[in-house]
Amino acid sequence: MILLEGLHHISLGCSDLKRSVAFYRDILDFEVLEESPRYALVRLDPVTLRLNHIENFKSGVQNPGETSLSFILDVDDFTDALKELEQKKVEILKGPVMIEGGEAILISDPDGHLIELFYNE
C-alpha cells in the first residue's frame, strides 16, 4: 500500500493566467500563493489549485458529474452569492435547483471548468 500524506493540489488548464487568477481571487475568495508566467497556485484552505497556462485551452467538460469543483456554503451566504454573481456578471449555467436538504447552482470559470456552489440545511 502506498502511504499518501495528503493532496497537494489540483491542476487546471487555463488560456489566460491573469484572468483565471482574478476569477478565483475576486469571485471565490481564493488566496494567491504563487504566480509565474507558466502557472499560479491559489488556495481556499484546504484546497489548492494549480492554474497552468496552456495556449488556447478550453475545458471540454459539460457534465458536472464527470469533473467539477464543488463548494459548500451557509444558506445565507448562498443567497448573497447569487446576488454577487449577478453583480459581477458571472453566468449561472444551471439553478438554483433543489438538492437533498438544500439548493445548488452551477457556474464555470473563464476556461469552462465547472463549479458547483451549494448549501445543505
N, C-alpha and C. Protein backbone atom coordinates (compact mmCIF):
# COMPACT_ATOMS: atom_id res chain seq x y z
N MET A 1 0.84 -1.17 0.00
CA MET A 1 0.00 0.00 0.00
C MET A 1 0.89 1.24 0.00
N ILE A 2 0.53 2.23 -0.81
CA ILE A 2 1.26 3.50 -0.86
C ILE A 2 0.69 4.41 0.23
N LEU A 3 1.55 4.91 1.10
CA LEU A 3 1.11 5.76 2.20
C LEU A 3 1.18 7.23 1.78
N LEU A 4 0.05 7.74 1.36
CA LEU A 4 -0.04 9.14 0.94
C LEU A 4 -0.15 10.05 2.15
N GLU A 5 0.46 11.20 2.07
CA GLU A 5 0.37 12.16 3.16
C GLU A 5 -0.77 13.14 2.97
N GLY A 6 -1.31 13.25 1.76
CA GLY A 6 -2.43 14.15 1.51
C GLY A 6 -2.43 14.62 0.07
N LEU A 7 -3.38 15.45 -0.25
CA LEU A 7 -3.50 16.03 -1.58
C LEU A 7 -2.79 17.37 -1.59
N HIS A 8 -1.84 17.54 -2.49
CA HIS A 8 -1.10 18.80 -2.56
C HIS A 8 -1.85 19.85 -3.35
N HIS A 9 -2.31 19.50 -4.56
CA HIS A 9 -3.06 20.46 -5.36
C HIS A 9 -3.84 19.74 -6.45
N ILE A 10 -4.75 20.46 -7.06
CA ILE A 10 -5.49 20.02 -8.24
C ILE A 10 -5.07 20.92 -9.38
N SER A 11 -4.67 20.36 -10.51
CA SER A 11 -4.22 21.14 -11.66
C SER A 11 -5.38 21.41 -12.61
N LEU A 12 -5.47 22.65 -13.07
CA LEU A 12 -6.45 23.06 -14.06
C LEU A 12 -5.75 23.84 -15.16
N GLY A 13 -6.06 23.54 -16.40
CA GLY A 13 -5.54 24.32 -17.51
C GLY A 13 -6.27 25.64 -17.63
N CYS A 14 -5.57 26.65 -18.15
CA CYS A 14 -6.20 27.94 -18.40
C CYS A 14 -5.50 28.64 -19.56
N SER A 15 -6.29 29.38 -20.34
CA SER A 15 -5.74 30.06 -21.51
C SER A 15 -5.18 31.44 -21.18
N ASP A 16 -5.69 32.06 -20.12
CA ASP A 16 -5.25 33.39 -19.71
C ASP A 16 -5.04 33.36 -18.20
N LEU A 17 -3.80 33.22 -17.78
CA LEU A 17 -3.48 33.02 -16.38
C LEU A 17 -3.96 34.17 -15.50
N LYS A 18 -3.73 35.40 -15.92
CA LYS A 18 -4.16 36.55 -15.10
C LYS A 18 -5.68 36.58 -14.93
N ARG A 19 -6.42 36.27 -15.98
CA ARG A 19 -7.88 36.25 -15.91
C ARG A 19 -8.36 35.15 -14.96
N SER A 20 -7.73 33.98 -15.02
CA SER A 20 -8.12 32.88 -14.14
C SER A 20 -7.80 33.18 -12.68
N VAL A 21 -6.61 33.73 -12.43
CA VAL A 21 -6.25 34.11 -11.06
C VAL A 21 -7.26 35.13 -10.54
N ALA A 22 -7.60 36.12 -11.34
CA ALA A 22 -8.57 37.14 -10.92
C ALA A 22 -9.92 36.52 -10.59
N PHE A 23 -10.37 35.56 -11.38
CA PHE A 23 -11.65 34.89 -11.13
C PHE A 23 -11.63 34.19 -9.77
N TYR A 24 -10.63 33.36 -9.55
CA TYR A 24 -10.59 32.60 -8.29
C TYR A 24 -10.36 33.51 -7.09
N ARG A 25 -9.58 34.56 -7.26
CA ARG A 25 -9.31 35.51 -6.17
C ARG A 25 -10.53 36.40 -5.91
N ASP A 26 -11.07 37.03 -6.94
CA ASP A 26 -12.08 38.06 -6.76
C ASP A 26 -13.51 37.52 -6.67
N ILE A 27 -13.78 36.39 -7.27
CA ILE A 27 -15.13 35.82 -7.22
C ILE A 27 -15.26 34.80 -6.09
N LEU A 28 -14.28 33.92 -5.95
CA LEU A 28 -14.39 32.82 -4.99
C LEU A 28 -13.49 32.98 -3.77
N ASP A 29 -12.80 34.11 -3.65
CA ASP A 29 -12.02 34.46 -2.45
C ASP A 29 -10.84 33.52 -2.18
N PHE A 30 -10.24 32.98 -3.24
CA PHE A 30 -9.01 32.20 -3.08
C PHE A 30 -7.85 33.14 -2.80
N GLU A 31 -6.89 32.65 -2.03
CA GLU A 31 -5.66 33.37 -1.75
C GLU A 31 -4.62 33.00 -2.82
N VAL A 32 -3.95 33.98 -3.37
CA VAL A 32 -2.90 33.71 -4.35
C VAL A 32 -1.61 33.39 -3.58
N LEU A 33 -1.09 32.19 -3.78
CA LEU A 33 0.12 31.75 -3.08
C LEU A 33 1.37 32.03 -3.90
N GLU A 34 1.25 31.85 -5.21
CA GLU A 34 2.42 31.95 -6.07
C GLU A 34 1.96 32.21 -7.50
N GLU A 35 2.71 33.05 -8.22
CA GLU A 35 2.41 33.32 -9.63
C GLU A 35 3.70 33.34 -10.43
N SER A 36 3.65 32.75 -11.59
CA SER A 36 4.76 32.81 -12.55
C SER A 36 4.13 32.94 -13.93
N PRO A 37 4.91 33.14 -14.97
CA PRO A 37 4.32 33.22 -16.32
C PRO A 37 3.65 31.92 -16.78
N ARG A 38 4.02 30.80 -16.18
CA ARG A 38 3.50 29.49 -16.61
C ARG A 38 2.39 28.94 -15.73
N TYR A 39 2.35 29.32 -14.46
CA TYR A 39 1.34 28.75 -13.56
C TYR A 39 1.12 29.68 -12.36
N ALA A 40 0.04 29.40 -11.65
CA ALA A 40 -0.23 30.09 -10.38
C ALA A 40 -0.81 29.07 -9.41
N LEU A 41 -0.50 29.25 -8.14
CA LEU A 41 -1.11 28.45 -7.09
C LEU A 41 -2.06 29.35 -6.32
N VAL A 42 -3.32 28.89 -6.19
CA VAL A 42 -4.32 29.64 -5.41
C VAL A 42 -4.93 28.67 -4.41
N ARG A 43 -5.30 29.20 -3.23
CA ARG A 43 -5.79 28.31 -2.18
C ARG A 43 -7.02 28.89 -1.49
N LEU A 44 -7.97 28.00 -1.27
CA LEU A 44 -9.08 28.23 -0.35
C LEU A 44 -9.00 27.05 0.60
N ASP A 45 -8.37 27.28 1.75
CA ASP A 45 -7.98 26.22 2.67
C ASP A 45 -9.09 25.21 2.85
N PRO A 46 -8.86 23.94 2.68
CA PRO A 46 -7.60 23.25 2.46
C PRO A 46 -7.30 22.95 0.98
N VAL A 47 -8.06 23.51 0.05
CA VAL A 47 -7.91 23.20 -1.38
C VAL A 47 -6.92 24.14 -2.05
N THR A 48 -5.93 23.58 -2.73
CA THR A 48 -5.01 24.37 -3.53
C THR A 48 -5.18 23.98 -4.99
N LEU A 49 -5.34 24.99 -5.84
CA LEU A 49 -5.43 24.78 -7.29
C LEU A 49 -4.15 25.27 -7.93
N ARG A 50 -3.64 24.50 -8.89
CA ARG A 50 -2.53 24.96 -9.71
C ARG A 50 -3.13 25.27 -11.08
N LEU A 51 -3.12 26.54 -11.42
CA LEU A 51 -3.65 27.01 -12.70
C LEU A 51 -2.48 27.04 -13.68
N ASN A 52 -2.53 26.18 -14.68
CA ASN A 52 -1.44 26.04 -15.65
C ASN A 52 -1.80 26.73 -16.96
N HIS A 53 -0.94 27.65 -17.39
CA HIS A 53 -1.19 28.32 -18.66
C HIS A 53 -0.96 27.35 -19.81
N ILE A 54 -2.01 27.17 -20.63
CA ILE A 54 -1.96 26.34 -21.83
C ILE A 54 -2.59 27.16 -22.94
N GLU A 55 -1.81 27.48 -23.94
CA GLU A 55 -2.29 28.31 -25.05
C GLU A 55 -3.59 27.76 -25.63
N ASN A 56 -4.59 28.62 -25.78
CA ASN A 56 -5.90 28.29 -26.37
C ASN A 56 -6.66 27.20 -25.62
N PHE A 57 -6.42 27.03 -24.34
CA PHE A 57 -7.10 25.98 -23.56
C PHE A 57 -8.57 26.33 -23.38
N LYS A 58 -9.43 25.31 -23.47
CA LYS A 58 -10.85 25.41 -23.12
C LYS A 58 -11.30 24.05 -22.63
N SER A 59 -11.86 23.99 -21.42
CA SER A 59 -12.33 22.73 -20.88
C SER A 59 -13.47 22.19 -21.74
N GLY A 60 -13.43 20.91 -22.03
CA GLY A 60 -14.48 20.28 -22.81
C GLY A 60 -15.55 19.62 -21.96
N VAL A 61 -15.43 19.71 -20.64
CA VAL A 61 -16.36 19.05 -19.73
C VAL A 61 -17.69 19.82 -19.73
N GLN A 62 -18.78 19.10 -19.93
CA GLN A 62 -20.10 19.72 -19.89
C GLN A 62 -20.99 19.10 -18.82
N ASN A 63 -20.57 17.99 -18.28
CA ASN A 63 -21.36 17.29 -17.27
C ASN A 63 -20.64 17.38 -15.92
N PRO A 64 -21.26 18.05 -14.93
CA PRO A 64 -20.58 18.20 -13.63
C PRO A 64 -20.33 16.88 -12.92
N GLY A 65 -21.06 15.83 -13.32
CA GLY A 65 -20.80 14.51 -12.74
C GLY A 65 -19.48 13.92 -13.23
N GLU A 66 -19.01 14.42 -14.35
CA GLU A 66 -17.74 13.95 -14.91
C GLU A 66 -16.56 14.59 -14.17
N THR A 67 -16.54 15.92 -14.12
CA THR A 67 -15.50 16.65 -13.40
C THR A 67 -16.05 18.01 -13.00
N SER A 68 -15.93 18.34 -11.73
CA SER A 68 -16.32 19.68 -11.26
C SER A 68 -15.70 19.93 -9.90
N LEU A 69 -15.62 21.19 -9.55
CA LEU A 69 -15.24 21.58 -8.20
C LEU A 69 -16.54 21.91 -7.48
N SER A 70 -16.71 21.43 -6.27
CA SER A 70 -17.96 21.60 -5.55
C SER A 70 -17.68 22.22 -4.19
N PHE A 71 -18.28 23.39 -3.95
CA PHE A 71 -18.04 24.13 -2.71
C PHE A 71 -19.34 24.32 -1.95
N ILE A 72 -19.30 24.07 -0.64
CA ILE A 72 -20.48 24.23 0.21
C ILE A 72 -20.47 25.62 0.85
N LEU A 73 -21.65 26.19 0.98
CA LEU A 73 -21.83 27.50 1.61
C LEU A 73 -22.91 27.39 2.67
N ASP A 74 -22.94 28.35 3.57
CA ASP A 74 -24.04 28.54 4.50
C ASP A 74 -25.24 29.03 3.69
N VAL A 75 -26.46 28.74 4.12
CA VAL A 75 -27.65 29.14 3.36
C VAL A 75 -27.70 30.65 3.11
N ASP A 76 -27.37 31.46 4.10
CA ASP A 76 -27.38 32.92 3.92
C ASP A 76 -26.29 33.35 2.94
N ASP A 77 -25.13 32.73 3.02
CA ASP A 77 -24.04 33.05 2.09
C ASP A 77 -24.40 32.63 0.66
N PHE A 78 -25.18 31.56 0.54
CA PHE A 78 -25.63 31.10 -0.78
C PHE A 78 -26.50 32.19 -1.44
N THR A 79 -27.43 32.73 -0.68
CA THR A 79 -28.30 33.80 -1.19
C THR A 79 -27.47 35.02 -1.58
N ASP A 80 -26.51 35.39 -0.74
CA ASP A 80 -25.62 36.52 -1.05
C ASP A 80 -24.78 36.22 -2.29
N ALA A 81 -24.35 34.97 -2.44
CA ALA A 81 -23.53 34.58 -3.59
C ALA A 81 -24.31 34.76 -4.89
N LEU A 82 -25.60 34.43 -4.89
CA LEU A 82 -26.42 34.61 -6.09
C LEU A 82 -26.43 36.07 -6.51
N LYS A 83 -26.59 36.97 -5.54
CA LYS A 83 -26.60 38.40 -5.83
C LYS A 83 -25.24 38.86 -6.35
N GLU A 84 -24.18 38.41 -5.71
CA GLU A 84 -22.83 38.83 -6.10
C GLU A 84 -22.46 38.33 -7.50
N LEU A 85 -22.84 37.09 -7.80
CA LEU A 85 -22.57 36.56 -9.14
C LEU A 85 -23.28 37.39 -10.20
N GLU A 86 -24.51 37.79 -9.91
CA GLU A 86 -25.26 38.63 -10.84
C GLU A 86 -24.57 39.99 -11.00
N GLN A 87 -24.16 40.60 -9.89
CA GLN A 87 -23.48 41.89 -9.94
C GLN A 87 -22.18 41.82 -10.72
N LYS A 88 -21.45 40.72 -10.57
CA LYS A 88 -20.15 40.56 -11.23
C LYS A 88 -20.28 39.91 -12.61
N LYS A 89 -21.54 39.75 -13.04
CA LYS A 89 -21.84 39.23 -14.38
C LYS A 89 -21.25 37.85 -14.65
N VAL A 90 -21.31 36.98 -13.62
CA VAL A 90 -20.91 35.59 -13.77
C VAL A 90 -22.17 34.80 -14.10
N GLU A 91 -22.16 34.14 -15.24
CA GLU A 91 -23.34 33.41 -15.69
C GLU A 91 -23.59 32.18 -14.83
N ILE A 92 -24.83 32.01 -14.41
CA ILE A 92 -25.25 30.79 -13.73
C ILE A 92 -25.73 29.84 -14.82
N LEU A 93 -25.01 28.74 -14.99
CA LEU A 93 -25.31 27.79 -16.06
C LEU A 93 -26.54 26.95 -15.75
N LYS A 94 -26.75 26.68 -14.46
CA LYS A 94 -27.88 25.87 -14.03
C LYS A 94 -28.24 26.24 -12.61
N GLY A 95 -29.54 26.35 -12.36
CA GLY A 95 -30.00 26.56 -11.00
C GLY A 95 -30.47 27.97 -10.75
N PRO A 96 -30.84 28.21 -9.51
CA PRO A 96 -30.77 27.26 -8.40
C PRO A 96 -31.73 26.08 -8.59
N VAL A 97 -31.24 24.91 -8.21
CA VAL A 97 -32.05 23.70 -8.25
C VAL A 97 -32.07 23.09 -6.85
N MET A 98 -33.17 22.46 -6.53
CA MET A 98 -33.30 21.79 -5.23
C MET A 98 -32.45 20.53 -5.24
N ILE A 99 -31.70 20.35 -4.17
CA ILE A 99 -30.97 19.11 -3.94
C ILE A 99 -31.39 18.63 -2.56
N GLU A 100 -31.00 17.44 -2.20
CA GLU A 100 -31.38 16.91 -0.91
C GLU A 100 -30.90 17.82 0.21
N GLY A 101 -31.83 18.48 0.88
CA GLY A 101 -31.51 19.33 2.01
C GLY A 101 -31.05 20.73 1.66
N GLY A 102 -31.18 21.15 0.39
CA GLY A 102 -30.72 22.49 0.06
C GLY A 102 -30.92 22.85 -1.40
N GLU A 103 -30.03 23.71 -1.89
CA GLU A 103 -30.06 24.16 -3.28
C GLU A 103 -28.65 24.22 -3.82
N ALA A 104 -28.55 24.21 -5.15
CA ALA A 104 -27.24 24.27 -5.81
C ALA A 104 -27.35 25.09 -7.09
N ILE A 105 -26.22 25.66 -7.46
CA ILE A 105 -26.09 26.31 -8.77
C ILE A 105 -24.80 25.81 -9.41
N LEU A 106 -24.75 25.98 -10.71
CA LEU A 106 -23.56 25.59 -11.47
C LEU A 106 -23.07 26.80 -12.26
N ILE A 107 -21.80 27.11 -12.09
CA ILE A 107 -21.15 28.18 -12.84
C ILE A 107 -19.90 27.58 -13.47
N SER A 108 -19.18 28.39 -14.22
CA SER A 108 -17.89 27.91 -14.73
C SER A 108 -16.86 29.02 -14.59
N ASP A 109 -15.60 28.62 -14.54
CA ASP A 109 -14.53 29.62 -14.53
C ASP A 109 -14.33 30.10 -15.97
N PRO A 110 -13.44 31.04 -16.21
CA PRO A 110 -13.29 31.58 -17.56
C PRO A 110 -12.89 30.56 -18.64
N ASP A 111 -12.37 29.41 -18.23
CA ASP A 111 -11.97 28.39 -19.19
C ASP A 111 -12.93 27.22 -19.26
N GLY A 112 -14.07 27.34 -18.61
CA GLY A 112 -15.10 26.32 -18.70
C GLY A 112 -15.05 25.22 -17.66
N HIS A 113 -14.16 25.31 -16.68
CA HIS A 113 -14.17 24.33 -15.59
C HIS A 113 -15.43 24.55 -14.77
N LEU A 114 -16.21 23.48 -14.57
CA LEU A 114 -17.48 23.59 -13.88
C LEU A 114 -17.29 23.69 -12.37
N ILE A 115 -18.09 24.57 -11.76
CA ILE A 115 -18.02 24.83 -10.32
C ILE A 115 -19.44 24.80 -9.76
N GLU A 116 -19.66 23.92 -8.79
CA GLU A 116 -20.94 23.85 -8.11
C GLU A 116 -20.83 24.60 -6.78
N LEU A 117 -21.82 25.43 -6.51
CA LEU A 117 -21.96 26.10 -5.22
C LEU A 117 -23.28 25.62 -4.63
N PHE A 118 -23.26 25.13 -3.39
CA PHE A 118 -24.49 24.58 -2.81
C PHE A 118 -24.53 24.78 -1.30
N TYR A 119 -25.72 24.59 -0.75
CA TYR A 119 -25.87 24.55 0.71
C TYR A 119 -26.75 23.38 1.08
N ASN A 120 -26.57 22.88 2.27
CA ASN A 120 -27.43 21.87 2.90
C ASN A 120 -27.85 22.40 4.24
N GLU A 121 -29.13 22.25 4.56
CA GLU A 121 -29.59 22.69 5.89
C GLU A 121 -29.59 21.54 6.85
